[in-house]
Amino acid sequence: MASQVRIEMNPAGFAAILKSPEVQADLRRRAEAIAAAAGGGPDFEVDSRIGSTRARASVFTATTEGRLAEATDRVLTNALDAGRG
C-alpha cells in the first residue's frame, strides 16, 4: 500500500522565487529574444519590472514603423515563439 505524501506550501518562498534576480534575468532574456526576432532596433523595446507579486517583462512597439509592422504583418505576434526555452 502506498504511503501518503503531505505537501506544505510556502507562500513567502514562492513570492521570493517569482521576484528573484534569476527569474528577472530569464524573463528579460526571453523578452529580448522576442524583440530581436520581431526586428529589434528602435522599433521594438523591452521593459522589465517587479510587480507586487512577481517579476514581469514585456516587449512593445516603440515607433510608428514598429506599430505599422505589427498591424500589417504581425511581426511581434509571430515572434512570440522566440521566447520559448
Protein backbone atom coordinates (compact mmCIF):
# COMPACT_ATOMS: atom_id res chain seq x y z
CA MET A 1 0.00 0.00 0.00
CA ALA A 2 1.32 3.45 -0.93
CA SER A 3 2.13 5.88 1.84
CA GLN A 4 0.54 9.27 1.79
CA VAL A 5 2.65 12.29 0.94
CA ARG A 6 1.92 15.61 2.56
CA ILE A 7 2.97 18.78 0.76
CA GLU A 8 3.06 22.03 2.66
CA MET A 9 3.09 25.21 0.57
CA ASN A 10 5.32 28.14 1.48
CA PRO A 11 3.75 31.31 0.01
CA ALA A 12 6.66 33.51 1.08
CA GLY A 13 9.06 31.15 -0.63
CA PHE A 14 7.03 31.20 -3.85
CA ALA A 15 6.92 35.00 -3.76
CA ALA A 16 10.68 35.16 -3.27
CA ILE A 17 11.26 32.90 -6.27
CA LEU A 18 8.86 34.83 -8.52
CA LYS A 19 10.74 38.07 -7.74
CA SER A 20 14.26 36.63 -7.69
CA PRO A 21 17.08 38.08 -9.82
CA GLU A 22 17.35 34.76 -11.67
CA VAL A 23 13.69 34.88 -12.75
CA GLN A 24 14.07 38.55 -13.71
CA ALA A 25 17.11 37.74 -15.85
CA ASP A 26 15.34 34.84 -17.57
CA LEU A 27 12.26 36.92 -18.35
CA ARG A 28 14.44 39.75 -19.68
CA ARG A 29 16.40 37.29 -21.88
CA ARG A 30 13.18 35.87 -23.31
CA ALA A 31 11.72 39.33 -23.98
CA GLU A 32 14.92 40.44 -25.72
CA ALA A 33 14.83 37.31 -27.91
CA ILE A 34 11.24 38.11 -28.92
CA ALA A 35 12.14 41.73 -29.70
CA ALA A 36 15.13 40.63 -31.78
CA ALA A 37 13.02 38.11 -33.73
CA ALA A 38 10.47 40.85 -34.45
CA GLY A 39 13.12 43.10 -35.91
CA GLY A 40 14.69 44.63 -32.82
CA GLY A 41 16.30 48.01 -33.15
CA PRO A 42 14.38 51.10 -32.28
CA ASP A 43 11.05 49.62 -33.44
CA PHE A 44 10.62 47.16 -30.54
CA GLU A 45 11.74 47.76 -26.97
CA VAL A 46 11.85 45.62 -23.85
CA ASP A 47 10.74 46.65 -20.39
CA SER A 48 11.08 44.61 -17.23
CA ARG A 49 10.00 45.38 -13.69
CA ILE A 50 8.98 43.81 -10.42
CA GLY A 51 5.27 43.94 -9.71
CA SER A 52 3.55 43.42 -6.41
CA THR A 53 3.51 39.62 -6.78
CA ARG A 54 6.08 38.75 -9.46
CA ALA A 55 8.66 39.96 -11.94
CA ARG A 56 7.47 40.66 -15.46
CA ALA A 57 8.88 41.62 -18.83
CA SER A 58 7.18 42.98 -21.91
CA VAL A 59 8.01 43.82 -25.50
CA PHE A 60 6.28 46.76 -27.08
CA THR A 61 6.31 48.76 -30.27
CA ALA A 62 8.28 51.96 -29.77
CA THR A 63 7.96 53.62 -33.16
CA THR A 64 5.36 54.22 -35.81
CA GLU A 65 7.21 51.78 -38.07
CA GLY A 66 7.02 49.10 -35.38
CA ARG A 67 3.31 49.67 -34.86
CA LEU A 68 2.72 49.54 -38.61
CA ALA A 69 4.76 46.31 -38.93
CA GLU A 70 2.72 44.71 -36.14
CA ALA A 71 -0.58 45.95 -37.57
CA THR A 72 0.07 44.75 -41.12
CA ASP A 73 2.43 41.78 -40.77
CA ARG A 74 2.01 40.78 -37.10
CA VAL A 75 5.79 40.62 -36.69
CA LEU A 76 5.70 40.88 -32.90
CA THR A 77 2.91 38.35 -32.53
CA ASN A 78 4.72 35.93 -34.84
CA ALA A 79 7.95 36.38 -32.87
CA LEU A 80 6.49 35.02 -29.62
CA ASP A 81 7.95 31.55 -30.20
CA ALA A 82 11.45 33.07 -29.91
CA GLY A 83 10.78 33.46 -26.18
CA ARG A 84 10.32 29.76 -25.58
CA GLY A 85 13.17 27.95 -23.97
